[in-house]
Amino acid sequence: MPCSLRAAGFHWTAPKGSVVTVNVVASVTNLVRARYNGAVQPVNGNSTTFTVVEGNASLDLYLAGAPDDVEFVEDCGDGTTQHLDGYQHDFRPTPSFTIVGTAA
């Protein structure tokens, strides 16, 4: 299963209706809440899944923890992931990603 998100400058694009799972990979940082397009999304451990809407929408991740090495990845299925962003020896409580949904 290929990844849905495609890098496009400072944002990501995906076809409208794509189901995307984003994981937070970290030692002590936890995903405690997620919002996409203004709506609260389910959090399962350190991941959240949402359906891409048409146009610009924001994925906001709310984290708890301490300074850590953190990577944000899209779960592409079959054990493969795609790097979205990350940081080292830092703590960013509310990272945000702009996702542009395109016509399918």
C-alpha atoms as a PDB file:
ATOM      1  CA  MET A   1       0.000   0.000   0.000  1.00  0.00           C
ATOM      2  CA  PRO A   2       1.648   3.280  -1.031  1.00  0.00           C
ATOM      3  CA  CYS A   3       1.802   6.372   1.140  1.00  0.00           C
ATOM      4  CA  SER A   4      -1.010   8.905   0.650  1.00  0.00           C
ATOM      5  CA  LEU A   5       0.836  12.096   1.585  1.00  0.00           C
ATOM      6  CA  ARG A   6       3.128  13.865  -0.890  1.00  0.00           C
ATOM      7  CA  ALA A   7       5.517  16.665   0.068  1.00  0.00           C
ATOM      8  CA  ALA A   8       4.704  19.973  -1.606  1.00  0.00           C
ATOM      9  CA  GLY A   9       6.947  22.707  -0.221  1.00  0.00           C
ATOM     10  CA  PHE A  10       5.914  23.480   3.349  1.00  0.00           C
ATOM     11  CA  HIS A  11       2.752  21.374   3.246  1.00  0.00           C
ATOM     12  CA  TRP A  12       1.555  17.919   2.231  1.00  0.00           C
ATOM     13  CA  THR A  13      -1.011  16.908  -0.392  1.00  0.00           C
ATOM     14  CA  ALA A  14      -3.223  13.826  -0.627  1.00  0.00           C
ATOM     15  CA  PRO A  15      -6.285  12.872  -2.624  1.00  0.00           C
ATOM     16  CA  LYS A  16      -9.573  13.772  -0.921  1.00  0.00           C
ATOM     17  CA  GLY A  17     -10.953  10.720   0.878  1.00  0.00           C
ATOM     18  CA  SER A  18      -7.544   9.174   1.585  1.00  0.00           C
ATOM     19  CA  VAL A  19      -7.303   7.563   5.002  1.00  0.00           C
ATOM     20  CA  VAL A  20      -4.030   8.600   6.632  1.00  0.00           C
ATOM     21  CA  THR A  21      -2.433   7.299   9.835  1.00  0.00           C
ATOM     22  CA  VAL A  22       0.271   9.402  11.481  1.00  0.00           C
ATOM     23  CA  ASN A  23       2.509   7.937  14.186  1.00  0.00           C
ATOM     24  CA  VAL A  24       4.637   9.717  16.773  1.00  0.00           C
ATOM     25  CA  VAL A  25       7.855   7.733  17.222  1.00  0.00           C
ATOM     26  CA  ALA A  26       9.514   8.676  20.521  1.00  0.00           C
ATOM     27  CA  SER A  27      10.857   7.318  23.780  1.00  0.00           C
ATOM     28  CA  VAL A  28       9.059   9.502  26.340  1.00  0.00           C
ATOM     29  CA  THR A  29       6.818  11.780  24.265  1.00  0.00           C
ATOM     30  CA  ASN A  30       3.173  10.736  23.982  1.00  0.00           C
ATOM     31  CA  LEU A  31       0.386  11.773  21.630  1.00  0.00           C
ATOM     32  CA  VAL A  32      -2.505  12.775  23.890  1.00  0.00           C
ATOM     33  CA  ARG A  33      -4.865  14.506  21.442  1.00  0.00           C
ATOM     34  CA  ALA A  34      -5.210  15.137  17.717  1.00  0.00           C
ATOM     35  CA  ARG A  35      -7.359  17.505  15.663  1.00  0.00           C
ATOM     36  CA  TYR A  36      -7.810  17.484  11.907  1.00  0.00           C
ATOM     37  CA  ASN A  37      -9.818  20.142  10.086  1.00  0.00           C
ATOM     38  CA  GLY A  38     -10.983  21.409  13.486  1.00  0.00           C
ATOM     39  CA  ALA A  39     -12.415  18.061  14.634  1.00  0.00           C
ATOM     40  CA  VAL A  40     -11.004  15.870  17.389  1.00  0.00           C
ATOM     41  CA  GLN A  41      -9.599  12.615  15.968  1.00  0.00           C
ATOM     42  CA  PRO A  42      -9.187   9.283  17.755  1.00  0.00           C
ATOM     43  CA  VAL A  43      -5.805   8.589  19.315  1.00  0.00           C
ATOM     44  CA  ASN A  44      -4.634   5.007  19.607  1.00  0.00           C
ATOM     45  CA  GLY A  45      -1.355   4.853  21.513  1.00  0.00           C
ATOM     46  CA  ASN A  46       0.958   7.217  19.655  1.00  0.00           C
ATOM     47  CA  SER A  47      -1.033   7.297  16.406  1.00  0.00           C
ATOM     48  CA  THR A  48      -4.063   8.983  14.896  1.00  0.00           C
ATOM     49  CA  THR A  49      -6.030   8.268  11.737  1.00  0.00           C
ATOM     50  CA  PHE A  50      -8.100  10.722   9.702  1.00  0.00           C
ATOM     51  CA  THR A  51      -9.776  11.031   6.298  1.00  0.00           C
ATOM     52  CA  VAL A  52      -8.437  13.803   4.052  1.00  0.00           C
ATOM     53  CA  VAL A  53     -10.915  16.562   3.184  1.00  0.00           C
ATOM     54  CA  GLU A  54     -10.771  18.707   0.054  1.00  0.00           C
ATOM     55  CA  GLY A  55      -8.770  21.950   0.360  1.00  0.00           C
ATOM     56  CA  ASN A  56      -6.480  23.155   3.132  1.00  0.00           C
ATOM     57  CA  ALA A  57      -6.782  21.547   6.558  1.00  0.00           C
ATOM     58  CA  SER A  58      -4.542  21.458   9.583  1.00  0.00           C
ATOM     59  CA  LEU A  59      -3.465  18.348  11.478  1.00  0.00           C
ATOM     60  CA  ASP A  60      -2.649  19.456  15.025  1.00  0.00           C
ATOM     61  CA  LEU A  61      -0.946  17.004  17.356  1.00  0.00           C
ATOM     62  CA  TYR A  62      -0.947  17.589  21.112  1.00  0.00           C
ATOM     63  CA  LEU A  63       1.999  15.981  22.878  1.00  0.00           C
ATOM     64  CA  ALA A  64       3.038  15.346  26.481  1.00  0.00           C
ATOM     65  CA  GLY A  65       6.486  14.429  27.685  1.00  0.00           C
ATOM     66  CA  ALA A  66       9.965  15.816  28.096  1.00  0.00           C
ATOM     67  CA  PRO A  67      12.793  16.749  25.722  1.00  0.00           C
ATOM     68  CA  ASP A  68      13.137  13.771  23.410  1.00  0.00           C
ATOM     69  CA  ASP A  69      14.072  12.623  19.918  1.00  0.00           C
ATOM     70  CA  VAL A  70      10.745  12.588  18.047  1.00  0.00           C
ATOM     71  CA  GLU A  71       9.833  11.568  14.516  1.00  0.00           C
ATOM     72  CA  PHE A  72       6.444  11.999  12.865  1.00  0.00           C
ATOM     73  CA  VAL A  73       5.733   9.382  10.204  1.00  0.00           C
ATOM     74  CA  GLU A  74       2.891   8.311   7.973  1.00  0.00           C
ATOM     75  CA  ASP A  75       2.073   4.625   8.356  1.00  0.00           C
ATOM     76  CA  CYS A  76       1.955   3.413   4.750  1.00  0.00           C
ATOM     77  CA  GLY A  77       1.041  -0.184   5.572  1.00  0.00           C
ATOM     78  CA  ASP A  78       3.042  -3.388   5.229  1.00  0.00           C
ATOM     79  CA  GLY A  79       5.509  -2.104   7.836  1.00  0.00           C
ATOM     80  CA  THR A  80       6.627   0.877   5.741  1.00  0.00           C
ATOM     81  CA  THR A  81       6.575   4.492   6.884  1.00  0.00           C
ATOM     82  CA  GLN A  82       7.244   7.900   5.407  1.00  0.00           C
ATOM     83  CA  HIS A  83       9.104  10.576   7.396  1.00  0.00           C
ATOM     84  CA  LEU A  84       7.029  13.760   7.798  1.00  0.00           C
ATOM     85  CA  ASP A  85       9.068  15.753  10.305  1.00  0.00           C
ATOM     86  CA  GLY A  86      10.967  15.418  13.553  1.00  0.00           C
ATOM     87  CA  TYR A  87      13.274  16.962  16.082  1.00  0.00           C
ATOM     88  CA  GLN A  88      16.034  15.960  18.493  1.00  0.00           C
ATOM     89  CA  HIS A  89      16.571  16.733  22.189  1.00  0.00           C
ATOM     90  CA  ASP A  90      13.590  19.108  22.230  1.00  0.00           C
ATOM     91  CA  PHE A  91       9.919  19.256  23.163  1.00  0.00           C
ATOM     92  CA  ARG A  92       7.282  20.801  20.921  1.00  0.00           C
ATOM     93  CA  PRO A  93       3.852  20.479  22.542  1.00  0.00           C
ATOM     94  CA  THR A  94       1.682  21.201  19.472  1.00  0.00           C
ATOM     95  CA  PRO A  95       3.252  20.458  16.095  1.00  0.00           C
ATOM     96  CA  SER A  96       0.986  21.157  13.134  1.00  0.00           C
ATOM     97  CA  PHE A  97       0.916  19.960   9.524  1.00  0.00           C
ATOM     98  CA  THR A  98      -0.968  21.595   6.649  1.00  0.00           C
ATOM     99  CA  ILE A  99      -2.549  18.978   4.414  1.00  0.00           C
ATOM    100  CA  VAL A 100      -4.117  19.977   1.103  1.00  0.00           C
ATOM    101  CA  GLY A 101      -6.767  17.577  -0.110  1.00  0.00           C
ATOM    102  CA  THR A 102      -6.920  17.378  -3.891  1.00  0.00           C
ATOM    103  CA  ALA A 103      -9.666  16.077  -6.174  1.00  0.00           C
ATOM    104  CA  ALA A 104      -9.472  12.294  -6.249  1.00  0.00           C
END
